């Protein structure tokens, strides 16, 4: 395993992060989630491979994802040896001070820990003044309940405004951006990645395999691929233009005798701004493939081969005012 510092912090994270949306009681949007026994096996396997970075959210499976993660980590790891990230926004009050303070306490209880290493705001909140949000985030850091803060899935101008607000008022700033980024969705390259580079903020991309579409020739037979309506909404409308890119991933994978997922992840890991890639695994093998991607070296010519067919896409991830997921 390889480890890097996360942004301008002293947190050292594995370059593969285990995303925990796959774990929890199978309800609502996560009706494909794994039960506790299956989740525990995958979390333990990740730890055995040197993964120390785990990403969850207060809204994943109505909080049971946090419960599953906390229980498994307490059984198999020392708290100081792991980095736990969780999120706030998809809750009553979104990013108001009251909501942030309330949701942090709830997450701590579900995770069974005294502190959160990285608290991430899940989206930009149009309804709460930026200063109120940044002051609340600063407050939970000063209280010792949170070590650092990160952001996720927003427009670059919004992230810049929040960082500037924090600096102007001498508050803690964000160290990471969890953004939607993969070979068939590269809109983040227009502005966000350039901003992150200037700010010394690490990118930790989610959906690196586009809901599995980059790990095979698009369609799959897994429970998640059949039931995950949100992933279908994100990707299937642009299948015609994106499928040729997937074919190129397949071609390189065959030539190197590795799974397609290793090519797609190796491409992301080749980007200087990307600190850690978040994978959502429902099988131990998927974690093995992700870790093995660290050993796949792509040449400049191969990277160009993978990138040259990309065409602009509609923004998916960042919300406009009034939007709902």
Protein backbone atom coordinates (compact mmCIF):
# COMPACT_ATOMS: atom_id res chain seq x y z
CA UNK A 1 0.00 0.00 0.00
CA UNK A 2 1.08 3.58 -0.65
CA UNK A 3 0.26 6.46 1.69
CA UNK A 4 0.14 10.23 1.13
CA UNK A 5 -0.66 13.29 3.18
CA UNK A 6 -4.18 14.58 2.66
CA UNK A 7 -3.98 18.17 1.49
CA UNK A 8 -2.38 20.59 3.93
CA UNK A 9 -2.75 18.28 6.94
CA UNK A 10 -0.85 15.71 8.96
CA UNK A 11 -3.29 12.92 8.03
CA UNK A 12 -1.58 10.15 6.08
CA UNK A 13 -4.09 8.14 4.03
CA UNK A 14 -3.88 5.04 1.88
CA UNK A 15 -4.17 5.79 -1.82
CA UNK A 16 -7.17 3.47 -1.91
CA UNK A 17 -10.08 4.51 0.30
CA UNK A 18 -12.90 2.10 1.10
CA UNK A 19 -16.23 3.78 0.41
CA UNK A 20 -18.91 2.48 2.76
CA UNK A 21 -22.11 3.26 0.89
CA UNK A 22 -22.26 -0.47 0.17
CA UNK A 23 -22.69 -1.27 3.87
CA UNK A 24 -25.85 -0.96 5.94
CA UNK A 25 -29.47 -1.97 6.13
CA UNK A 26 -30.77 -2.41 2.59
CA UNK A 27 -33.34 0.37 2.38
CA UNK A 28 -34.16 3.37 0.18
CA UNK A 29 -31.45 4.37 -2.30
CA UNK A 30 -29.15 1.73 -0.81
CA UNK A 31 -31.52 -1.19 -1.32
CA UNK A 32 -28.53 -3.18 -2.59
CA UNK A 33 -26.42 -2.65 0.57
CA UNK A 34 -24.68 -5.54 2.34
CA UNK A 35 -25.66 -6.88 5.74
CA UNK A 36 -23.30 -6.57 8.70
CA UNK A 37 -21.61 -9.95 8.31
CA UNK A 38 -20.71 -9.32 4.67
CA UNK A 39 -19.68 -5.74 5.42
CA UNK A 40 -17.38 -6.81 8.25
CA UNK A 41 -15.53 -9.27 6.01
CA UNK A 42 -14.85 -6.59 3.40
CA UNK A 43 -13.73 -4.02 5.99
CA UNK A 44 -11.37 -6.55 7.58
CA UNK A 45 -9.97 -7.48 4.17
CA UNK A 46 -9.34 -3.82 3.41
CA UNK A 47 -7.47 -3.42 6.69
CA UNK A 48 -5.40 -6.54 5.97
CA UNK A 49 -4.32 -4.98 2.65
CA UNK A 50 -3.16 -1.80 4.36
CA UNK A 51 -6.17 0.42 3.65
CA UNK A 52 -6.53 2.89 6.51
CA UNK A 53 -8.99 5.38 4.95
CA UNK A 54 -12.74 4.77 5.23
CA UNK A 55 -15.48 7.02 3.86
CA UNK A 56 -19.11 6.95 4.96
CA UNK A 57 -21.99 9.43 5.51
CA UNK A 58 -24.76 10.12 7.97
CA UNK A 59 -27.33 9.42 5.23
CA UNK A 60 -25.98 6.10 3.94
CA UNK A 61 -28.61 3.49 4.75
CA UNK A 62 -30.13 5.91 7.28
CA UNK A 63 -26.98 5.90 9.39
CA UNK A 64 -26.48 2.14 9.58
CA UNK A 65 -23.41 2.40 7.33
CA UNK A 66 -21.71 4.39 10.08
CA UNK A 67 -22.81 1.82 12.64
CA UNK A 68 -21.44 -1.10 10.61
CA UNK A 69 -18.13 0.67 9.96
CA UNK A 70 -17.64 1.71 13.57
CA UNK A 71 -18.40 -1.78 14.88
CA UNK A 72 -16.00 -3.48 12.45
CA UNK A 73 -13.16 -1.01 13.01
CA UNK A 74 -13.47 -1.34 16.76
CA UNK A 75 -13.11 -5.12 16.35
CA UNK A 76 -10.16 -5.16 13.96
CA UNK A 77 -8.20 -1.88 14.26
CA UNK A 78 -6.82 0.62 16.73
CA UNK A 79 -8.65 3.93 16.43
CA UNK A 80 -5.42 5.90 15.92
CA UNK A 81 -4.45 3.67 12.99
CA UNK A 82 -7.47 4.46 10.82
CA UNK A 83 -8.86 7.60 9.16
CA UNK A 84 -12.64 7.93 9.28
CA UNK A 85 -14.46 10.35 7.01
CA UNK A 86 -18.18 11.00 7.23
CA UNK A 87 -20.54 13.62 5.84
CA UNK A 88 -23.26 16.10 6.66
CA UNK A 89 -25.89 17.80 4.43
CA UNK A 90 -28.66 15.33 3.53
CA UNK A 91 -30.37 15.91 6.85
CA UNK A 92 -32.78 18.37 8.41
CA UNK A 93 -31.23 21.85 8.29
CA UNK A 94 -28.54 20.83 5.81
CA UNK A 95 -25.43 22.88 6.76
CA UNK A 96 -26.90 25.18 9.38
CA UNK A 97 -25.00 25.48 12.66
CA UNK A 98 -27.73 23.59 14.48
CA UNK A 99 -27.65 20.77 11.93
CA UNK A 100 -23.87 20.43 11.87
CA UNK A 101 -23.57 20.28 15.66
CA UNK A 102 -26.47 17.82 15.90
CA UNK A 103 -25.33 15.54 13.08
CA UNK A 104 -21.72 15.39 14.27
CA UNK A 105 -22.90 14.14 17.66
CA UNK A 106 -25.16 11.56 16.01
CA UNK A 107 -22.36 10.35 13.75
CA UNK A 108 -19.95 10.04 16.66
CA UNK A 109 -22.47 7.90 18.50
CA UNK A 110 -23.14 5.64 15.51
CA UNK A 111 -19.43 5.28 14.73
CA UNK A 112 -18.64 4.60 18.38
CA UNK A 113 -15.74 7.04 18.44
CA UNK A 114 -14.76 10.29 20.17
CA UNK A 115 -13.67 12.09 17.01
CA UNK A 116 -14.08 12.18 13.24
CA UNK A 117 -10.87 12.56 11.25
CA UNK A 118 -12.50 14.22 8.26
CA UNK A 119 -15.96 15.80 8.25
CA UNK A 120 -17.14 16.42 4.70
CA UNK A 121 -19.97 18.70 3.63
CA UNK A 122 -21.86 16.53 1.16
CA UNK A 123 -23.07 19.36 -1.08
CA UNK A 124 -23.23 23.18 -1.19
CA UNK A 125 -26.07 24.63 0.87
CA UNK A 126 -27.93 27.46 -0.87
CA UNK A 127 -30.15 28.04 2.16
CA UNK A 128 -27.54 28.68 4.86
CA UNK A 129 -25.12 31.65 4.86
CA UNK A 130 -21.59 30.46 4.08
CA UNK A 131 -20.20 32.16 7.18
CA UNK A 132 -22.62 30.27 9.43
CA UNK A 133 -21.51 26.97 7.92
CA UNK A 134 -17.80 27.74 8.13
CA UNK A 135 -18.09 28.96 11.73
CA UNK A 136 -19.94 25.77 12.70
CA UNK A 137 -17.31 23.61 11.02
CA UNK A 138 -14.61 25.57 12.83
CA UNK A 139 -16.52 25.07 16.08
CA UNK A 140 -16.59 21.26 15.82
CA UNK A 141 -12.85 21.25 15.10
CA UNK A 142 -12.08 23.43 18.12
CA UNK A 143 -14.28 21.19 20.28
CA UNK A 144 -12.08 18.22 19.39
CA UNK A 145 -14.92 16.28 17.76
CA UNK A 146 -13.49 16.74 14.25
CA UNK A 147 -9.86 16.94 13.12
CA UNK A 148 -10.22 18.34 9.60
CA UNK A 149 -12.93 19.30 7.13
CA UNK A 150 -13.50 18.48 3.48
CA UNK A 151 -16.11 19.22 0.82
CA UNK A 152 -17.84 17.24 -1.90
CA UNK A 153 -19.60 17.67 -5.23
CA UNK A 154 -20.05 21.38 -5.83
CA UNK A 155 -19.11 24.04 -8.36
CA UNK A 156 -15.59 25.43 -8.21
CA UNK A 157 -16.84 28.98 -7.58
CA UNK A 158 -18.78 27.73 -4.54
CA UNK A 159 -15.76 25.96 -3.11
CA UNK A 160 -13.63 29.08 -3.69
CA UNK A 161 -16.19 31.27 -1.90
CA UNK A 162 -16.21 28.96 1.11
CA UNK A 163 -12.42 28.83 1.32
CA UNK A 164 -12.18 32.62 1.01
CA UNK A 165 -14.82 33.10 3.70
CA UNK A 166 -12.89 30.84 6.08
CA UNK A 167 -9.61 32.69 5.46
CA UNK A 168 -11.23 36.10 5.83
CA UNK A 169 -12.60 35.15 9.26
CA UNK A 170 -9.55 33.12 10.38
CA UNK A 171 -11.41 29.82 10.37
CA UNK A 172 -10.29 26.34 9.39
CA UNK A 173 -10.29 25.66 5.63
CA UNK A 174 -11.01 22.49 3.67
CA UNK A 175 -8.19 20.00 3.02
CA UNK A 176 -9.97 17.70 0.56
CA UNK A 177 -12.56 17.63 -2.19
CA UNK A 178 -14.53 14.45 -2.81
CA UNK A 179 -15.55 14.98 -6.41
CA UNK A 180 -17.21 12.99 -9.18
CA UNK A 181 -14.34 12.07 -11.48
CA UNK A 182 -13.57 9.12 -13.76
CA UNK A 183 -12.67 8.34 -17.36
CA UNK A 184 -16.23 8.90 -18.62
CA UNK A 185 -16.95 11.94 -16.43
CA UNK A 186 -14.14 14.52 -16.53
CA UNK A 187 -15.94 17.85 -16.10
CA UNK A 188 -13.90 18.44 -12.92
CA UNK A 189 -10.84 19.09 -15.10
CA UNK A 190 -12.28 22.39 -16.37
CA UNK A 191 -12.00 24.38 -13.14
CA UNK A 192 -12.16 22.35 -9.94
CA UNK A 193 -8.92 20.41 -10.31
CA UNK A 194 -7.02 23.58 -11.19
CA UNK A 195 -8.45 25.29 -8.11
CA UNK A 196 -7.55 22.34 -5.88
CA UNK A 197 -3.98 22.45 -7.15
CA UNK A 198 -3.66 26.16 -6.30
CA UNK A 199 -5.25 25.61 -2.86
CA UNK A 200 -3.13 22.54 -2.01
CA UNK A 201 -6.36 20.59 -1.50
CA UNK A 202 -6.40 16.87 -2.29
CA UNK A 203 -8.93 15.30 -4.63
CA UNK A 204 -10.49 12.05 -3.42
CA UNK A 205 -12.70 11.03 -6.37
CA UNK A 206 -15.89 9.06 -5.91
CA UNK A 207 -17.44 6.77 -8.55
CA UNK A 208 -13.98 6.08 -10.03
CA UNK A 209 -15.39 3.12 -11.99
CA UNK A 210 -18.64 4.86 -12.98
CA UNK A 211 -20.76 2.43 -11.01
CA UNK A 212 -18.90 -0.53 -12.50
CA UNK A 213 -19.21 0.54 -16.12
CA UNK A 214 -15.44 1.00 -16.43
CA UNK A 215 -14.74 -2.38 -14.84
CA UNK A 216 -16.49 -4.35 -17.61
CA UNK A 217 -18.01 -3.75 -21.02
CA UNK A 218 -20.72 -1.58 -19.40
CA UNK A 219 -23.56 -3.85 -18.22
CA UNK A 220 -23.19 -6.06 -15.16
CA UNK A 221 -24.95 -8.84 -13.32
CA UNK A 222 -24.24 -7.74 -9.75
CA UNK A 223 -27.04 -6.91 -7.34
CA UNK A 224 -25.92 -3.29 -7.24
CA UNK A 225 -25.75 -2.91 -11.02
CA UNK A 226 -29.34 -4.14 -11.26
CA UNK A 227 -30.77 -2.11 -8.38
CA UNK A 228 -28.73 1.11 -8.24
CA UNK A 229 -31.12 3.50 -9.96
CA UNK A 230 -28.96 6.52 -9.09
CA UNK A 231 -25.95 5.12 -11.00
CA UNK A 232 -28.17 4.36 -14.00
CA UNK A 233 -29.37 7.96 -13.94
CA UNK A 234 -25.78 9.25 -13.83
CA UNK A 235 -24.36 7.23 -16.70
CA UNK A 236 -26.74 5.35 -18.95
CA UNK A 237 -28.06 8.39 -20.87
CA UNK A 238 -24.59 8.94 -22.35
CA UNK A 239 -23.75 5.30 -23.04
CA UNK A 240 -23.43 5.76 -26.80
CA UNK A 241 -20.67 8.37 -26.52
CA UNK A 242 -18.94 6.81 -23.52
CA UNK A 243 -18.91 3.16 -24.57
CA UNK A 244 -15.95 3.62 -26.98
CA UNK A 245 -13.88 4.85 -24.00
CA UNK A 246 -14.83 1.73 -22.05
CA UNK A 247 -13.74 -0.35 -25.05
CA UNK A 248 -10.33 1.33 -24.93
CA UNK A 249 -10.03 0.53 -21.23
CA UNK A 250 -10.85 -3.08 -22.11
CA UNK A 251 -8.27 -3.11 -24.91
CA UNK A 252 -5.49 -1.89 -22.60
CA UNK A 253 -6.55 -4.31 -19.88
CA UNK A 254 -6.31 -7.25 -22.27
CA UNK A 255 -2.89 -6.09 -23.45
CA UNK A 256 -1.57 -5.83 -19.88
CA UNK A 257 -3.44 -8.94 -18.70
CA UNK A 258 -5.15 -7.11 -15.83
CA UNK A 259 -8.81 -6.41 -14.99
CA UNK A 260 -10.38 -3.34 -16.59
CA UNK A 261 -10.84 -1.74 -13.19
CA UNK A 262 -7.08 -1.63 -12.67
CA UNK A 263 -6.64 0.42 -15.85
CA UNK A 264 -9.40 2.88 -14.92
CA UNK A 265 -8.05 3.30 -11.38
CA UNK A 266 -4.44 3.56 -12.53
CA UNK A 267 -5.50 6.44 -14.79
CA UNK A 268 -6.97 8.31 -11.81
CA UNK A 269 -3.98 7.53 -9.59
CA UNK A 270 -1.68 8.99 -12.25
CA UNK A 271 -3.19 12.45 -11.63
CA UNK A 272 -0.99 14.48 -9.29
CA UNK A 273 -3.92 16.13 -7.49
CA UNK A 274 -5.57 12.78 -6.64
CA UNK A 275 -4.51 11.63 -3.18
CA UNK A 276 -6.84 8.68 -2.69
CA UNK A 277 -9.49 6.99 -4.82
CA UNK A 278 -12.74 5.91 -3.17
CA UNK A 279 -13.93 2.47 -4.17
CA UNK A 280 -17.22 0.96 -3.14
CA UNK A 281 -16.64 -2.78 -2.93
CA UNK A 282 -19.27 -5.48 -2.48
CA UNK A 283 -16.73 -8.30 -2.90
CA UNK A 284 -13.21 -8.80 -1.51
CA UNK A 285 -11.87 -9.31 -5.05
CA UNK A 286 -12.79 -5.75 -5.97
CA UNK A 287 -10.52 -4.47 -3.19
CA UNK A 288 -7.70 -6.71 -4.42
CA UNK A 289 -8.05 -5.27 -7.92
CA UNK A 290 -8.06 -1.70 -6.58
CA UNK A 291 -4.89 -2.24 -4.57
CA UNK A 292 -3.22 -3.95 -7.54
CA UNK A 293 -3.94 -0.85 -9.62
CA UNK A 294 -1.14 0.85 -7.69
CA UNK A 295 1.28 -1.40 -9.61
CA UNK A 296 -0.08 -0.50 -13.05
CA UNK A 297 2.00 2.18 -14.77
CA UNK A 298 0.46 3.91 -17.77
CA UNK A 299 2.64 5.60 -20.38
CA UNK A 300 1.86 9.07 -21.70
CA UNK A 301 0.72 7.44 -24.93
CA UNK A 302 -1.64 5.09 -23.08
CA UNK A 303 -3.11 7.97 -21.09
CA UNK A 304 -3.71 9.89 -24.32
CA UNK A 305 -5.32 6.77 -25.82
CA UNK A 306 -7.74 6.60 -22.89
CA UNK A 307 -8.55 10.31 -22.84
CA UNK A 308 -8.81 11.44 -26.46
CA UNK A 309 -12.41 10.32 -27.15
CA UNK A 310 -13.97 12.21 -24.23
CA UNK A 311 -16.68 14.75 -25.01
CA UNK A 312 -18.23 17.37 -22.67
CA UNK A 313 -20.96 16.10 -20.35
CA UNK A 314 -23.79 17.66 -18.38
CA UNK A 315 -22.70 18.37 -14.81
CA UNK A 316 -23.55 15.46 -12.51
CA UNK A 317 -22.83 15.82 -8.79
CA UNK A 318 -22.94 19.53 -8.07
CA UNK A 319 -26.48 20.72 -7.41
CA UNK A 320 -28.17 23.83 -8.79
CA UNK A 321 -30.49 25.78 -6.50
CA UNK A 322 -33.72 23.85 -6.09
CA UNK A 323 -32.26 20.55 -7.33
CA UNK A 324 -32.81 17.26 -5.55
CA UNK A 325 -30.85 14.07 -5.99
